[in-house]
Amino acid sequence: MENFTNFLMGFNIQTILALVAVSWYFSAGIKSDMRHLESKMDAQAARTDRLYEMFIDLLKEKR
């Protein structure tokens, strides 16, 4: 931890704030994209489940 503190002491406050801001901006975008992808995956899983149920119903009707 001391090495990290010494590393940061080599920069001025503007540089540190800029690094934090850029990191926050990119991580917020990644989190947003992940939430969007998760919702798409959930919707696809629901469609797949429904298709499976329809297939099983079709097999039952054939018998």
N, C-alpha and C. Protein backbone atom coordinates (compact mmCIF):
# COMPACT_ATOMS: atom_id res chain seq x y z
N MET A 1 0.83 -1.19 0.00
CA MET A 1 0.00 0.00 0.00
C MET A 1 0.87 1.25 0.00
N GLU A 2 1.97 1.17 0.69
CA GLU A 2 2.88 2.32 0.75
C GLU A 2 3.47 2.61 -0.63
N ASN A 3 3.76 1.56 -1.39
CA ASN A 3 4.28 1.76 -2.75
C ASN A 3 3.25 2.48 -3.64
N PHE A 4 2.00 2.10 -3.48
CA PHE A 4 0.95 2.73 -4.26
C PHE A 4 0.80 4.21 -3.88
N THR A 5 0.86 4.49 -2.58
CA THR A 5 0.79 5.88 -2.11
C THR A 5 1.95 6.69 -2.65
N ASN A 6 3.13 6.13 -2.62
CA ASN A 6 4.30 6.83 -3.16
C ASN A 6 4.17 7.05 -4.66
N PHE A 7 3.61 6.10 -5.36
CA PHE A 7 3.38 6.24 -6.79
C PHE A 7 2.44 7.41 -7.07
N LEU A 8 1.34 7.48 -6.30
CA LEU A 8 0.38 8.56 -6.50
C LEU A 8 0.94 9.93 -6.12
N MET A 9 1.86 9.96 -5.19
CA MET A 9 2.46 11.23 -4.77
C MET A 9 3.28 11.86 -5.90
N GLY A 10 3.65 11.07 -6.88
CA GLY A 10 4.41 11.58 -8.01
C GLY A 10 3.56 12.36 -8.99
N PHE A 11 2.23 12.32 -8.85
CA PHE A 11 1.32 13.02 -9.75
C PHE A 11 0.70 14.22 -9.04
N ASN A 12 0.23 15.17 -9.84
CA ASN A 12 -0.50 16.29 -9.22
C ASN A 12 -1.97 15.93 -9.10
N ILE A 13 -2.73 16.72 -8.38
CA ILE A 13 -4.13 16.40 -8.07
C ILE A 13 -5.00 16.38 -9.33
N GLN A 14 -4.70 17.24 -10.31
CA GLN A 14 -5.49 17.26 -11.53
C GLN A 14 -5.36 15.95 -12.30
N THR A 15 -4.17 15.41 -12.34
CA THR A 15 -3.95 14.14 -13.03
C THR A 15 -4.70 13.02 -12.35
N ILE A 16 -4.66 12.98 -11.04
CA ILE A 16 -5.35 11.94 -10.28
C ILE A 16 -6.86 12.06 -10.49
N LEU A 17 -7.39 13.29 -10.43
CA LEU A 17 -8.82 13.48 -10.63
C LEU A 17 -9.23 13.10 -12.05
N ALA A 18 -8.40 13.41 -13.03
CA ALA A 18 -8.70 13.04 -14.41
C ALA A 18 -8.72 11.52 -14.56
N LEU A 19 -7.78 10.83 -13.95
CA LEU A 19 -7.76 9.37 -14.01
C LEU A 19 -9.01 8.77 -13.37
N VAL A 20 -9.42 9.33 -12.24
CA VAL A 20 -10.63 8.84 -11.57
C VAL A 20 -11.86 9.10 -12.44
N ALA A 21 -11.95 10.29 -13.04
CA ALA A 21 -13.10 10.63 -13.88
C ALA A 21 -13.18 9.72 -15.10
N VAL A 22 -12.07 9.49 -15.76
CA VAL A 22 -12.06 8.63 -16.95
C VAL A 22 -12.40 7.20 -16.57
N SER A 23 -11.86 6.73 -15.46
CA SER A 23 -12.17 5.37 -15.00
C SER A 23 -13.65 5.23 -14.68
N TRP A 24 -14.22 6.23 -14.01
CA TRP A 24 -15.64 6.20 -13.67
C TRP A 24 -16.48 6.20 -14.95
N TYR A 25 -16.13 7.04 -15.91
CA TYR A 25 -16.90 7.15 -17.15
C TYR A 25 -16.93 5.81 -17.89
N PHE A 26 -15.78 5.17 -18.03
CA PHE A 26 -15.73 3.91 -18.75
C PHE A 26 -16.41 2.78 -17.97
N SER A 27 -16.25 2.76 -16.66
CA SER A 27 -16.88 1.70 -15.89
C SER A 27 -18.40 1.87 -15.90
N ALA A 28 -18.89 3.11 -15.90
CA ALA A 28 -20.34 3.33 -15.96
C ALA A 28 -20.89 2.84 -17.30
N GLY A 29 -20.16 3.08 -18.38
CA GLY A 29 -20.59 2.60 -19.69
C GLY A 29 -20.60 1.09 -19.76
N ILE A 30 -19.61 0.47 -19.18
CA ILE A 30 -19.54 -1.00 -19.18
C ILE A 30 -20.69 -1.58 -18.36
N LYS A 31 -20.97 -0.98 -17.21
CA LYS A 31 -22.07 -1.47 -16.38
C LYS A 31 -23.40 -1.34 -17.11
N SER A 32 -23.59 -0.22 -17.80
CA SER A 32 -24.82 -0.02 -18.56
C SER A 32 -24.96 -1.07 -19.67
N ASP A 33 -23.88 -1.32 -20.38
CA ASP A 33 -23.90 -2.33 -21.44
C ASP A 33 -24.17 -3.72 -20.87
N MET A 34 -23.61 -4.02 -19.73
CA MET A 34 -23.84 -5.33 -19.11
C MET A 34 -25.30 -5.50 -18.72
N ARG A 35 -25.92 -4.45 -18.15
CA ARG A 35 -27.33 -4.54 -17.80
C ARG A 35 -28.19 -4.76 -19.05
N HIS A 36 -27.84 -4.06 -20.12
CA HIS A 36 -28.59 -4.21 -21.37
C HIS A 36 -28.45 -5.63 -21.92
N LEU A 37 -27.24 -6.18 -21.91
CA LEU A 37 -27.03 -7.53 -22.39
C LEU A 37 -27.74 -8.56 -21.53
N GLU A 38 -27.74 -8.35 -20.21
CA GLU A 38 -28.43 -9.28 -19.32
C GLU A 38 -29.93 -9.28 -19.59
N SER A 39 -30.50 -8.12 -19.85
CA SER A 39 -31.94 -8.08 -20.14
C SER A 39 -32.23 -8.77 -21.47
N LYS A 40 -31.35 -8.62 -22.45
CA LYS A 40 -31.55 -9.31 -23.73
C LYS A 40 -31.43 -10.83 -23.54
N MET A 41 -30.48 -11.26 -22.72
CA MET A 41 -30.32 -12.69 -22.47
C MET A 41 -31.54 -13.26 -21.74
N ASP A 42 -32.09 -12.50 -20.80
CA ASP A 42 -33.29 -12.96 -20.09
C ASP A 42 -34.47 -13.10 -21.04
N ALA A 43 -34.62 -12.14 -21.94
CA ALA A 43 -35.71 -12.20 -22.91
C ALA A 43 -35.53 -13.40 -23.84
N GLN A 44 -34.30 -13.66 -24.26
CA GLN A 44 -34.04 -14.81 -25.14
C GLN A 44 -34.31 -16.12 -24.40
N ALA A 45 -33.95 -16.18 -23.13
CA ALA A 45 -34.21 -17.39 -22.34
C ALA A 45 -35.71 -17.62 -22.20
N ALA A 46 -36.47 -16.56 -22.03
CA ALA A 46 -37.93 -16.71 -21.92
C ALA A 46 -38.51 -17.22 -23.24
N ARG A 47 -38.01 -16.70 -24.36
CA ARG A 47 -38.50 -17.18 -25.67
C ARG A 47 -38.14 -18.65 -25.87
N THR A 48 -36.94 -19.03 -25.49
CA THR A 48 -36.51 -20.41 -25.64
C THR A 48 -37.36 -21.34 -24.78
N ASP A 49 -37.64 -20.91 -23.55
CA ASP A 49 -38.49 -21.71 -22.66
C ASP A 49 -39.88 -21.88 -23.26
N ARG A 50 -40.42 -20.83 -23.83
CA ARG A 50 -41.75 -20.91 -24.43
C ARG A 50 -41.76 -21.85 -25.64
N LEU A 51 -40.72 -21.77 -26.47
CA LEU A 51 -40.63 -22.68 -27.61
C LEU A 51 -40.53 -24.13 -27.15
N TYR A 52 -39.79 -24.39 -26.09
CA TYR A 52 -39.68 -25.74 -25.56
C TYR A 52 -41.03 -26.24 -25.06
N GLU A 53 -41.77 -25.36 -24.38
CA GLU A 53 -43.10 -25.74 -23.90
C GLU A 53 -44.02 -26.06 -25.07
N MET A 54 -43.94 -25.26 -26.13
CA MET A 54 -44.77 -25.52 -27.31
C MET A 54 -44.39 -26.84 -27.95
N PHE A 55 -43.11 -27.17 -28.00
CA PHE A 55 -42.64 -28.44 -28.57
C PHE A 55 -43.16 -29.61 -27.75
N ILE A 56 -43.10 -29.50 -26.45
CA ILE A 56 -43.58 -30.58 -25.58
C ILE A 56 -45.10 -30.75 -25.77
N ASP A 57 -45.82 -29.64 -25.85
CA ASP A 57 -47.27 -29.73 -26.10
C ASP A 57 -47.56 -30.41 -27.43
N LEU A 58 -46.78 -30.10 -28.45
CA LEU A 58 -46.95 -30.73 -29.76
C LEU A 58 -46.72 -32.24 -29.67
N LEU A 59 -45.67 -32.65 -28.94
CA LEU A 59 -45.40 -34.08 -28.79
C LEU A 59 -46.53 -34.77 -28.04
N LYS A 60 -47.10 -34.10 -27.05
CA LYS A 60 -48.22 -34.70 -26.29
C LYS A 60 -49.44 -34.86 -27.19
N GLU A 61 -49.67 -33.88 -28.06
CA GLU A 61 -50.84 -33.96 -28.95
C GLU A 61 -50.67 -35.09 -29.98
N LYS A 62 -49.43 -35.37 -30.38
CA LYS A 62 -49.18 -36.43 -31.35
C LYS A 62 -49.50 -37.81 -30.78
N ARG A 63 -49.33 -37.96 -29.51
CA ARG A 63 -49.55 -39.28 -28.89
C ARG A 63 -50.97 -39.56 -28.77
